[in-house]
Amino acid sequence: MNPSTVAARAGAQRGWIEFRQTLTSTEVIGFVWPWALALVVLYVLRDRTVPGTDFSLGSQSIHGLLGMNVVLTGMLGMSMALLVEREDGTLLRAKAIPNGMLGYLTGKVVSQAVMTAAMLVVVLVPAAFLFDGLELSAASSWLTLVWVLVLGLVATLPLGAVTGSLFPDMKAASFATLLIIGLVAVSGVFYPITALPVWLQLIGQAFPVYWLALGMRSALLPDALSTAEIGGSWRHLETVAALGAWAVIGFVVAPVVLRRIARRATGSTIARESNR
């Protein structure tokens, strides 16, 4: 069997084990409570409408919660995990194994992706009962939601790994957070990007978070609301192309970046960092 295939398979198994460990520990509370609180806030706003329409403001914001779930649980979670495991020696140990970086990256993508999907269920299931107007009765909506989520995770998680690699230690992690939150701000996660200046629209469309958010809106909101989007449509073909391109770029670039980071890591540097 191809060594890369063996490494990827081992990484996937490790990722599933990490997810199960998180799910059965008290850490899961930290994942669940922010989304539960956000649902309560949106439920309070359910009788308010989007300006110029009779559509519920609470229902209109559900797709934003799902998009933020992917960004915070998945993309930012990946960055933070990489920073922590670089300092505790996990990345150094992975370097010592043949194709270890590929296996490590695969494992982190699997664990973060499954956790993100689980938190999406935490939001979506109660939302289906609490909010009117969501397009959840049609099979096409669920199909769109699934392919957008899968492509979105594969496109954003490696980007999170690269972002986490840019900073030397956990003390600099706040900059990684600011970068990702800034990306969210120009990507129209909670609202159509057309509300922003044209130059910010161009920046937002250059990154996968915008296309993920657009795909989420297309799955959950009525087609009539697509008129607020660029071109007056959901642009599914462009979404597939953009997320697919970022997925390829991420899985090509992220292992290279991780190998370079691991190459600079030694037992002495990890010990020095831990003693600070």
Protein backbone atom coordinates (compact mmCIF):
# COMPACT_ATOMS: atom_id res chain seq x y z
CA MET A 1 0.00 0.00 0.00
CA ASN A 2 1.18 3.53 -0.77
CA PRO A 3 2.98 5.06 2.29
CA SER A 4 0.99 8.30 1.95
CA THR A 5 -2.26 6.32 2.00
CA VAL A 6 -1.14 4.49 5.15
CA ALA A 7 -0.26 7.79 6.83
CA ALA A 8 -3.57 9.38 5.85
CA ARG A 9 -5.51 6.36 7.12
CA ALA A 10 -3.64 6.38 10.43
CA GLY A 11 -4.24 10.12 10.72
CA ALA A 12 -7.97 9.66 10.13
CA GLN A 13 -8.12 7.03 12.88
CA ARG A 14 -6.27 9.33 15.25
CA GLY A 15 -8.65 12.18 14.43
CA TRP A 16 -11.68 10.03 15.25
CA ILE A 17 -10.11 8.99 18.57
CA GLU A 18 -9.43 12.65 19.46
CA PHE A 19 -13.05 13.53 18.70
CA ARG A 20 -14.38 10.73 20.89
CA GLN A 21 -12.11 11.78 23.74
CA THR A 22 -13.33 15.36 23.52
CA LEU A 23 -16.96 14.28 23.31
CA THR A 24 -16.69 12.22 26.49
CA SER A 25 -14.83 14.85 28.52
CA THR A 26 -15.91 18.06 30.21
CA GLU A 27 -14.35 19.99 27.29
CA VAL A 28 -17.52 19.42 25.31
CA ILE A 29 -19.35 21.91 27.55
CA GLY A 30 -17.07 24.65 26.29
CA PHE A 31 -18.07 23.81 22.73
CA VAL A 32 -21.82 23.61 23.37
CA TRP A 33 -22.72 26.52 25.63
CA PRO A 34 -21.83 29.45 23.28
CA TRP A 35 -24.10 28.06 20.54
CA ALA A 36 -26.90 27.33 23.01
CA LEU A 37 -26.67 30.91 24.29
CA ALA A 38 -26.69 32.27 20.73
CA LEU A 39 -29.85 30.28 19.95
CA VAL A 40 -31.57 31.78 22.99
CA VAL A 41 -30.66 35.30 21.82
CA LEU A 42 -31.97 34.63 18.29
CA TYR A 43 -35.16 33.12 19.69
CA VAL A 44 -35.79 36.37 21.56
CA LEU A 45 -35.42 38.18 18.19
CA ARG A 46 -37.71 35.79 16.29
CA ASP A 47 -40.59 38.30 16.07
CA ARG A 48 -38.41 41.04 14.60
CA THR A 49 -38.07 41.16 10.84
CA VAL A 50 -35.26 41.88 8.41
CA PRO A 51 -35.63 45.54 7.30
CA GLY A 52 -37.69 45.78 4.11
CA THR A 53 -39.05 42.23 4.41
CA ASP A 54 -41.39 40.19 6.57
CA PHE A 55 -38.73 37.52 7.17
CA SER A 56 -37.77 36.80 10.78
CA LEU A 57 -34.47 38.30 11.91
CA GLY A 58 -33.86 35.25 14.09
CA SER A 59 -34.37 32.83 11.20
CA GLN A 60 -32.21 34.94 8.91
CA SER A 61 -29.32 34.71 11.39
CA ILE A 62 -29.23 30.91 11.75
CA HIS A 63 -27.00 30.49 8.72
CA GLY A 64 -24.60 32.97 10.35
CA LEU A 65 -24.39 30.77 13.45
CA LEU A 66 -23.58 27.77 11.27
CA GLY A 67 -20.92 29.73 9.40
CA MET A 68 -19.37 30.99 12.63
CA ASN A 69 -19.42 27.42 13.93
CA VAL A 70 -17.21 26.34 11.02
CA VAL A 71 -14.89 29.32 11.50
CA LEU A 72 -14.56 29.21 15.29
CA THR A 73 -14.83 25.49 16.06
CA GLY A 74 -13.07 24.41 12.90
CA MET A 75 -10.70 27.02 11.51
CA LEU A 76 -9.76 28.84 14.73
CA GLY A 77 -9.80 25.57 16.66
CA MET A 78 -7.28 24.18 14.19
CA SER A 79 -4.99 27.19 14.67
CA MET A 80 -5.12 26.93 18.46
CA ALA A 81 -4.57 23.15 18.43
CA LEU A 82 -1.51 23.55 16.24
CA LEU A 83 -0.03 26.20 18.52
CA VAL A 84 -0.58 24.05 21.62
CA GLU A 85 0.77 20.85 20.07
CA ARG A 86 3.80 22.62 18.67
CA GLU A 87 4.72 23.71 22.19
CA ASP A 88 4.04 20.35 23.90
CA GLY A 89 6.13 18.33 21.43
CA THR A 90 3.32 16.59 19.51
CA LEU A 91 4.43 18.12 16.22
CA LEU A 92 8.04 17.15 16.92
CA ARG A 93 7.03 13.52 17.49
CA ALA A 94 5.00 13.51 14.27
CA LYS A 95 8.08 14.71 12.39
CA ALA A 96 9.99 11.60 13.43
CA ILE A 97 7.48 9.29 11.69
CA PRO A 98 7.60 8.67 7.91
CA ASN A 99 4.90 10.84 6.30
CA GLY A 100 4.14 12.05 9.83
CA MET A 101 3.14 15.54 8.74
CA LEU A 102 0.55 14.18 6.31
CA GLY A 103 -0.85 11.88 8.98
CA TYR A 104 -0.86 14.67 11.57
CA LEU A 105 -2.67 17.11 9.26
CA THR A 106 -5.21 14.46 8.25
CA GLY A 107 -5.89 13.64 11.89
CA LYS A 108 -6.41 17.26 12.89
CA VAL A 109 -8.69 17.90 9.91
CA VAL A 110 -10.80 14.84 10.79
CA SER A 111 -11.10 15.65 14.50
CA GLN A 112 -11.92 19.32 13.94
CA ALA A 113 -14.29 18.55 11.06
CA VAL A 114 -16.29 15.98 13.03
CA MET A 115 -16.48 18.27 16.06
CA THR A 116 -17.64 21.12 13.84
CA ALA A 117 -20.32 18.91 12.29
CA ALA A 118 -21.47 17.84 15.76
CA MET A 119 -21.81 21.46 16.87
CA LEU A 120 -23.70 22.22 13.65
CA VAL A 121 -26.25 19.57 14.67
CA VAL A 122 -26.47 21.21 18.11
CA VAL A 123 -27.53 24.44 16.38
CA LEU A 124 -29.58 23.12 13.48
CA VAL A 125 -31.84 20.57 15.20
CA PRO A 126 -33.40 22.97 17.75
CA ALA A 127 -33.46 25.75 15.13
CA ALA A 128 -35.66 23.59 12.90
CA PHE A 129 -38.31 23.55 15.65
CA LEU A 130 -37.88 27.08 17.03
CA PHE A 131 -37.68 29.20 13.85
CA ASP A 132 -40.04 29.56 10.90
CA GLY A 133 -38.99 30.24 7.33
CA LEU A 134 -35.93 27.99 7.14
CA GLU A 135 -35.85 25.85 3.98
CA LEU A 136 -35.38 22.54 5.76
CA SER A 137 -38.29 20.56 4.33
CA ALA A 138 -36.76 20.12 0.85
CA ALA A 139 -34.19 17.40 0.15
CA SER A 140 -32.31 19.84 -2.08
CA SER A 141 -31.70 22.13 0.91
CA TRP A 142 -30.11 19.31 2.91
CA LEU A 143 -28.05 18.23 -0.08
CA THR A 144 -26.77 21.78 -0.54
CA LEU A 145 -26.01 22.07 3.18
CA VAL A 146 -23.99 18.84 3.14
CA TRP A 147 -21.82 19.63 0.12
CA VAL A 148 -21.24 23.21 1.27
CA LEU A 149 -20.22 21.99 4.74
CA VAL A 150 -17.89 19.30 3.42
CA LEU A 151 -16.21 21.57 0.88
CA GLY A 152 -16.12 24.44 3.37
CA LEU A 153 -14.40 22.36 6.04
CA VAL A 154 -11.85 20.93 3.62
CA ALA A 155 -11.13 24.46 2.35
CA THR A 156 -10.90 26.27 5.70
CA LEU A 157 -9.25 23.76 8.05
CA PRO A 158 -5.88 23.64 6.25
CA LEU A 159 -6.01 27.45 6.13
CA GLY A 160 -6.44 27.39 9.91
CA ALA A 161 -3.35 25.16 10.17
CA VAL A 162 -1.32 27.59 8.07
CA THR A 163 -2.54 30.54 10.16
CA GLY A 164 -1.52 28.77 13.35
CA SER A 165 1.92 28.13 11.87
CA LEU A 166 2.57 31.81 11.26
CA PHE A 167 2.97 32.64 14.96
CA PRO A 168 5.79 31.43 17.24
CA ASP A 169 3.87 30.59 20.44
CA MET A 170 0.57 30.82 22.33
CA LYS A 171 1.40 34.38 23.42
CA ALA A 172 0.99 35.44 19.81
CA ALA A 173 -2.25 33.45 19.39
CA SER A 174 -4.35 36.61 19.77
CA PHE A 175 -3.03 37.79 16.41
CA ALA A 176 -4.23 34.57 14.78
CA THR A 177 -7.63 35.17 16.34
CA LEU A 178 -7.70 38.77 15.08
CA LEU A 179 -6.78 37.66 11.56
CA ILE A 180 -9.58 35.09 11.43
CA ILE A 181 -12.19 37.41 13.00
CA GLY A 182 -11.15 40.13 10.53
CA LEU A 183 -11.67 37.65 7.70
CA VAL A 184 -15.14 36.89 9.05
CA ALA A 185 -15.96 40.62 9.15
CA VAL A 186 -15.31 41.07 5.41
CA SER A 187 -16.87 37.76 4.36
CA GLY A 188 -20.55 38.48 5.04
CA VAL A 189 -21.10 35.56 7.41
CA PHE A 190 -24.22 37.07 8.99
CA TYR A 191 -25.31 39.31 6.10
CA PRO A 192 -24.92 39.63 2.31
CA ILE A 193 -21.51 40.98 1.38
CA THR A 194 -23.17 43.62 -0.80
CA ALA A 195 -23.59 45.70 2.38
CA LEU A 196 -19.81 46.37 2.27
CA PRO A 197 -17.79 48.72 0.02
CA VAL A 198 -16.77 47.21 -3.31
CA TRP A 199 -13.08 46.93 -2.37
CA LEU A 200 -13.98 44.93 0.75
CA GLN A 201 -16.28 42.75 -1.34
CA LEU A 202 -13.32 41.87 -3.55
CA ILE A 203 -11.18 40.97 -0.54
CA GLY A 204 -13.96 38.87 0.97
CA GLN A 205 -14.52 36.91 -2.25
CA ALA A 206 -10.83 36.02 -2.42
CA PHE A 207 -11.14 33.80 0.68
CA PRO A 208 -13.18 30.64 1.32
CA VAL A 209 -15.16 31.97 4.31
CA TYR A 210 -17.31 34.14 2.01
CA TRP A 211 -18.19 31.22 -0.24
CA LEU A 212 -18.96 29.03 2.77
CA ALA A 213 -21.33 31.67 4.14
CA LEU A 214 -22.98 32.16 0.76
CA GLY A 215 -23.54 28.42 0.43
CA MET A 216 -25.07 28.24 3.91
CA ARG A 217 -27.51 31.02 3.03
CA SER A 218 -28.47 29.29 -0.21
CA ALA A 219 -29.28 26.09 1.71
CA LEU A 220 -31.35 27.64 4.49
CA LEU A 221 -32.97 30.81 3.15
CA PRO A 222 -35.74 31.29 0.57
CA ASP A 223 -34.61 31.88 -3.02
CA ALA A 224 -36.23 35.32 -2.93
CA LEU A 225 -33.47 36.54 -0.60
CA SER A 226 -30.81 35.78 -3.21
CA THR A 227 -31.57 39.17 -4.78
CA ALA A 228 -29.47 40.75 -2.00
CA GLU A 229 -26.39 38.80 -3.14
CA ILE A 230 -23.80 39.73 -5.77
CA GLY A 231 -25.32 39.05 -9.16
CA GLY A 232 -28.72 38.43 -7.57
CA SER A 233 -28.10 34.66 -7.26
CA TRP A 234 -26.58 32.05 -4.96
CA ARG A 235 -23.74 31.32 -7.45
CA HIS A 236 -23.43 27.62 -6.70
CA LEU A 237 -20.97 26.87 -9.51
CA GLU A 238 -18.66 29.64 -8.37
CA THR A 239 -18.97 28.38 -4.78
CA VAL A 240 -17.91 24.85 -5.77
CA ALA A 241 -14.99 26.20 -7.82
CA ALA A 242 -13.76 28.59 -5.10
CA LEU A 243 -14.03 26.13 -2.19
CA GLY A 244 -12.54 23.34 -4.29
CA ALA A 245 -9.58 25.51 -5.27
CA TRP A 246 -8.93 26.49 -1.65
CA ALA A 247 -9.15 22.85 -0.59
CA VAL A 248 -6.45 21.88 -3.10
CA ILE A 249 -4.28 24.85 -2.14
CA GLY A 250 -4.66 24.08 1.57
CA PHE A 251 -3.70 20.42 1.33
CA VAL A 252 -0.70 21.29 -0.83
CA VAL A 253 0.58 24.22 1.24
CA ALA A 254 -0.27 23.13 4.81
CA PRO A 255 1.95 19.98 4.92
CA VAL A 256 4.86 22.00 3.51
CA VAL A 257 4.42 24.70 6.15
CA LEU A 258 4.06 22.13 8.94
CA ARG A 259 7.22 20.31 7.83
CA ARG A 260 9.18 23.56 7.92
CA ILE A 261 7.83 24.40 11.37
CA ALA A 262 8.64 20.90 12.65
CA ARG A 263 12.12 21.06 11.10
CA ARG A 264 12.94 24.03 13.31
CA ALA A 265 11.52 22.34 16.41
CA THR A 266 13.89 20.42 18.69
CA GLY A 267 13.63 18.98 22.16
CA SER A 268 15.74 21.80 23.56
CA THR A 269 13.58 24.55 22.03
CA ILE A 270 10.40 22.92 23.37
CA ALA A 271 11.95 22.60 26.85
CA ARG A 272 13.04 26.23 26.73
CA GLU A 273 9.56 27.40 25.73
CA SER A 274 7.88 25.31 28.44
CA ASN A 275 10.14 26.85 31.12
CA ARG A 276 9.28 30.40 30.26
